[in-house]
Protein backbone atom coordinates (compact mmCIF):
# COMPACT_ATOMS: atom_id res chain seq x y z
CA MET A 1 172.86 206.50 -5.11
CA SER A 2 171.73 205.58 -8.63
CA ALA A 3 168.07 205.78 -9.49
CA LYS A 4 166.11 202.55 -9.27
CA LYS A 5 165.68 200.97 -12.68
CA ASN A 6 161.99 200.24 -13.33
CA THR A 7 160.59 197.52 -15.54
CA TRP A 8 159.32 200.08 -18.01
CA ASP A 9 162.88 201.40 -18.51
CA LEU A 10 164.01 198.02 -19.83
CA PRO A 11 164.74 197.50 -23.50
CA PRO A 12 162.65 194.87 -25.31
CA CYS A 13 163.47 191.26 -24.51
CA PRO A 14 166.35 190.19 -26.79
CA ASP A 15 165.03 186.65 -27.22
CA PRO A 16 162.11 185.19 -25.21
CA GLU A 17 163.49 181.69 -25.79
CA LYS A 18 166.81 182.54 -24.12
CA TYR A 19 166.09 185.35 -21.63
CA ILE A 20 163.99 185.70 -18.47
CA LEU A 21 162.99 188.83 -16.55
CA VAL A 22 164.64 189.12 -13.15
CA LYS A 23 163.25 191.59 -10.58
CA THR A 24 165.35 192.76 -7.63
CA LYS A 25 165.18 195.58 -5.07
CA GLU A 26 167.57 197.53 -7.25
CA GLY A 27 165.50 197.09 -10.37
CA ALA A 28 164.81 194.59 -13.14
CA TYR A 29 166.89 193.19 -15.98
CA TRP A 30 166.96 190.50 -18.65
CA ARG A 31 169.10 187.47 -17.85
CA ARG A 32 170.12 184.56 -20.02
CA LYS A 33 168.34 181.36 -19.02
CA ARG A 34 170.40 178.75 -17.26
CA GLY A 35 171.98 176.40 -19.74
CA THR A 36 171.84 178.78 -22.74
CA VAL A 37 175.34 180.16 -22.14
CA LYS A 38 177.00 176.86 -21.26
CA PRO A 39 175.50 173.47 -20.42
CA ALA A 40 173.93 173.35 -16.97
CA ARG A 41 175.63 170.88 -14.63
CA LEU A 42 173.56 168.56 -12.49
CA ASN A 43 174.74 167.19 -9.19
CA GLY A 44 176.24 163.77 -9.92
CA VAL A 45 174.01 161.81 -7.53
CA PHE A 46 170.91 163.69 -8.64
CA ALA A 47 171.73 163.08 -12.31
CA GLN A 48 172.19 159.35 -11.61
CA ASN A 49 168.87 159.20 -9.76
CA VAL A 50 167.13 160.89 -12.69
CA LEU A 51 168.60 158.26 -15.00
CA ASN A 52 167.69 155.38 -12.69
CA SER A 53 164.13 156.64 -12.28
CA LYS A 54 163.55 155.92 -15.95
CA VAL A 55 163.71 152.20 -15.17
CA ALA A 56 162.56 152.29 -11.53
CA SER A 57 159.25 154.06 -12.16
CA PRO A 58 158.05 151.52 -14.76
CA ALA A 59 159.17 148.73 -12.41
CA ALA A 60 157.14 150.21 -9.55
CA LYS A 61 154.11 150.35 -11.83
CA ARG A 62 154.59 146.67 -12.71
CA ILE A 63 154.52 145.78 -9.00
CA ILE A 64 151.35 147.80 -8.46
CA GLN A 65 149.66 146.33 -11.50
CA LYS A 66 150.45 142.78 -10.36
CA LEU A 67 149.13 143.50 -6.85
CA HIS A 68 146.07 145.42 -8.06
CA SER A 69 143.50 142.98 -6.65
CA PHE A 70 145.06 143.31 -3.17
CA LEU A 71 145.43 147.11 -3.26
CA HIS A 72 142.11 148.49 -4.43
CA GLU A 73 140.65 148.92 -0.90
CA LEU A 74 143.74 150.70 0.46
CA ASN A 75 144.71 154.34 0.85
CA THR A 76 148.04 153.94 -0.93
CA GLY A 77 148.97 157.60 -1.43
CA ARG A 78 151.97 158.18 -3.71
CA LEU A 79 152.64 154.46 -3.96
CA THR A 80 154.46 154.52 -7.30
CA ALA A 81 156.85 157.22 -6.11
CA ARG A 82 157.53 155.45 -2.80
CA LEU A 83 158.28 152.13 -4.48
CA ALA A 84 160.38 153.76 -7.18
CA GLY A 85 162.45 155.57 -4.57
CA LEU A 86 163.47 152.28 -2.95
CA LEU A 87 164.16 150.67 -6.30
CA ILE A 88 166.41 153.61 -7.22
CA LYS A 89 168.36 153.10 -3.98
CA THR A 90 168.70 149.42 -4.88
CA ILE A 91 170.14 150.27 -8.29
CA ASN A 92 172.56 152.73 -6.69
CA GLN A 93 173.77 150.08 -4.24
CA LYS A 94 173.76 146.95 -6.41
CA GLY A 95 173.63 148.12 -10.01
CA TYR A 96 170.32 146.37 -10.67
CA MET A 97 166.78 146.14 -9.26
CA ASP A 98 165.38 143.54 -6.90
CA PHE A 99 163.23 143.48 -3.75
CA SER A 100 166.07 143.61 -1.21
CA LEU A 101 165.20 147.06 0.22
CA LEU A 102 161.44 146.50 0.35
CA LYS A 103 161.29 144.52 3.61
CA GLY A 104 159.05 146.43 6.01
CA PHE A 105 157.48 148.48 3.22
CA GLU A 106 153.95 149.63 4.10
CA PHE A 107 151.45 149.86 1.26
CA GLN A 108 149.30 152.37 3.09
CA ASN A 109 149.24 154.74 6.04
CA PRO A 110 148.31 153.87 8.80
CA PRO A 111 150.67 150.89 8.83
CA LEU A 112 149.79 147.28 9.50
CA GLY A 113 151.00 147.60 13.10
CA ASN A 114 148.19 150.05 13.83
CA LEU A 115 145.66 147.34 13.02
CA LEU A 116 147.33 144.02 13.92
CA TYR A 117 148.98 144.11 17.34
CA ALA A 118 150.72 140.72 17.20
CA GLN A 119 154.31 140.14 16.19
CA VAL A 120 154.55 138.18 12.95
CA ASP A 121 157.14 135.41 12.99
CA VAL A 122 158.59 134.48 9.61
CA VAL A 123 160.26 131.10 9.06
CA VAL A 124 161.99 130.27 5.78
CA LYS A 125 162.87 126.60 5.43
CA ASP A 126 164.03 124.97 2.22
CA SER A 127 161.67 126.38 -0.41
CA THR A 128 158.80 127.27 1.92
CA ILE A 129 158.00 130.38 3.93
CA THR A 130 155.64 130.29 6.91
CA LEU A 131 154.03 133.29 8.62
CA ARG A 132 152.88 132.64 12.16
CA PHE A 133 151.32 134.90 14.80
CA PRO A 134 148.91 134.57 17.75
CA ILE A 135 145.19 135.34 17.55
CA TYR A 136 143.47 136.46 20.75
CA HIS A 137 140.74 138.83 21.82
CA GLY A 138 141.98 142.33 21.00
CA VAL A 139 144.74 141.30 18.61
CA MET A 140 143.03 143.32 15.87
CA ALA A 141 141.85 146.91 16.28
CA LYS A 142 138.06 147.16 15.97
CA ARG A 143 137.46 150.62 14.53
CA ASN A 144 133.67 150.57 14.65
CA ASP A 145 130.71 148.33 15.46
CA LEU A 146 130.11 147.41 11.82
CA VAL A 147 133.12 145.14 11.53
CA LYS A 148 132.40 141.63 12.83
CA ASP A 149 135.24 139.44 11.61
CA PHE A 150 138.77 139.57 10.26
CA TYR A 151 141.13 137.43 8.21
CA PHE A 152 144.55 137.55 6.54
CA GLU A 153 146.13 137.02 3.15
CA ALA A 154 149.76 136.12 2.46
CA VAL A 155 151.11 136.98 -0.98
CA VAL A 156 154.37 136.10 -2.69
CA LEU A 157 155.41 138.33 -5.61
CA TYR A 158 158.42 137.09 -7.56
CA GLY A 159 160.33 137.36 -10.80
CA ASP A 160 162.18 139.99 -12.79
CA VAL A 161 160.82 143.42 -11.87
CA ALA A 162 162.79 145.00 -14.73
CA ALA A 163 161.06 142.98 -17.44
CA ASP A 164 157.61 143.45 -18.95
CA ASN A 165 155.44 140.52 -17.85
CA GLY A 166 158.34 139.38 -15.68
CA LEU A 167 156.42 139.17 -12.39
CA ARG A 168 154.36 136.31 -11.00
CA ILE A 169 152.17 136.03 -7.92
CA ASP A 170 150.78 133.42 -5.57
CA SER A 171 148.70 133.79 -2.40
CA THR A 172 146.93 132.00 0.42
CA ILE A 173 144.19 133.02 2.83
CA SER A 174 143.56 132.35 6.52
CA ARG A 175 140.37 131.20 8.18
CA LEU A 176 137.85 133.80 9.34
CA TYR A 177 138.15 135.02 12.94
CA SER A 178 135.42 136.75 14.93
CA PHE A 179 135.98 139.93 16.95
CA ALA A 180 133.58 138.47 19.53
CA ASP A 181 135.55 135.23 19.96
CA LYS A 182 137.65 135.27 23.13
CA GLY A 183 139.54 132.09 22.33
CA LYS A 184 143.27 131.84 21.62
CA TYR A 185 144.59 130.53 18.33
CA THR A 186 147.62 130.60 16.07
CA CYS A 187 147.32 131.88 12.52
CA GLU A 188 149.75 130.06 10.25
CA MET A 189 150.07 130.52 6.51
CA SER A 190 152.65 128.92 4.23
CA LEU A 191 153.72 129.61 0.66
CA ASP A 192 156.12 127.89 -1.72
CA LEU A 193 159.10 130.06 -2.62
CA PRO A 194 160.32 130.28 -6.20
CA GLU A 195 163.87 130.62 -7.44
CA GLY A 196 165.08 134.15 -7.98
CA PRO A 197 163.98 137.39 -6.26
CA TRP A 198 160.78 137.35 -4.21
CA MET A 199 158.94 139.30 -1.54
CA VAL A 200 156.20 138.09 0.80
CA ILE A 201 153.38 140.42 1.88
CA LEU A 202 150.91 140.12 4.73
CA LYS A 203 147.52 141.79 4.41
CA ALA A 204 144.98 142.13 7.25
CA ILE A 205 141.30 142.59 6.38
CA CYS A 206 138.32 143.47 8.55
CA GLN A 207 134.92 142.28 7.38
CA GLU A 208 131.44 143.78 7.73
CA GLU A 209 128.79 141.06 7.60
CA ASP A 210 129.95 138.93 4.64
CA MET A 211 132.03 141.52 2.77
CA PRO A 212 135.36 143.31 3.39
CA SER A 213 135.01 146.68 5.05
CA ALA A 214 134.25 149.69 2.88
CA HIS A 215 136.90 151.90 4.57
CA TRP A 216 140.67 151.71 4.11
CA ARG A 217 141.38 152.12 7.84
CA HIS A 218 140.18 148.52 8.34
CA PHE A 219 143.08 147.19 6.25
CA GLY A 220 146.84 146.90 6.61
CA MET A 221 149.46 145.56 4.20
CA ARG A 222 153.22 145.17 4.66
CA VAL A 223 156.17 143.39 3.06
CA VAL A 224 157.28 141.00 5.81
CA GLU A 225 160.18 139.24 4.08
CA VAL A 226 162.32 139.37 0.94
CA GLY A 227 164.79 136.91 -0.49
CA GLY A 228 166.31 135.18 -3.48
CA ASN A 229 168.33 138.29 -4.32
């Protein structure tokens, strides 16, 4: 059996720009870096995703910037990366970006369904979208005794996500509901729909006294419908 070759037996590195030190059980040696002998080949799908991310990541940032006033209370995590991933899939499928794969997208964890227990019905008629769901005692999770009321916002984001300043936004707000109220109601919010790609978002907000809660767990925000693609 040959003697183990130690690091100190190695000759000087031929070229630090082109070689790396490789250590194995049998010893150590200098190896040419990948791509310095012949061009490194990327997996075709991976290479395409890398290329598409160059347009998807800026597009995701445009969405976040436009929705900033609705997002600042939330625990959004890696929101840019999550949005960009879906936009990349859209490019791979359709050759361009729109909102078609964003239906059901949650802007934070826990999801909206962990806060609002009602099913949200969505009706699109002509150029109007209506969100409708029941309000009853217990329909919203009450996480602590500080929250007294709750309400909802519906947001439509539309336009060309690939263009700088290509996005527009409109929104509406529900009435205020009390956690102590044991009555039964229907929350209904309507928005005009524009031409071209759009997505509609529902946000649930719990309120402490006369201000929104200070903790992200009292919020939920989801894309409930997309269209115009």
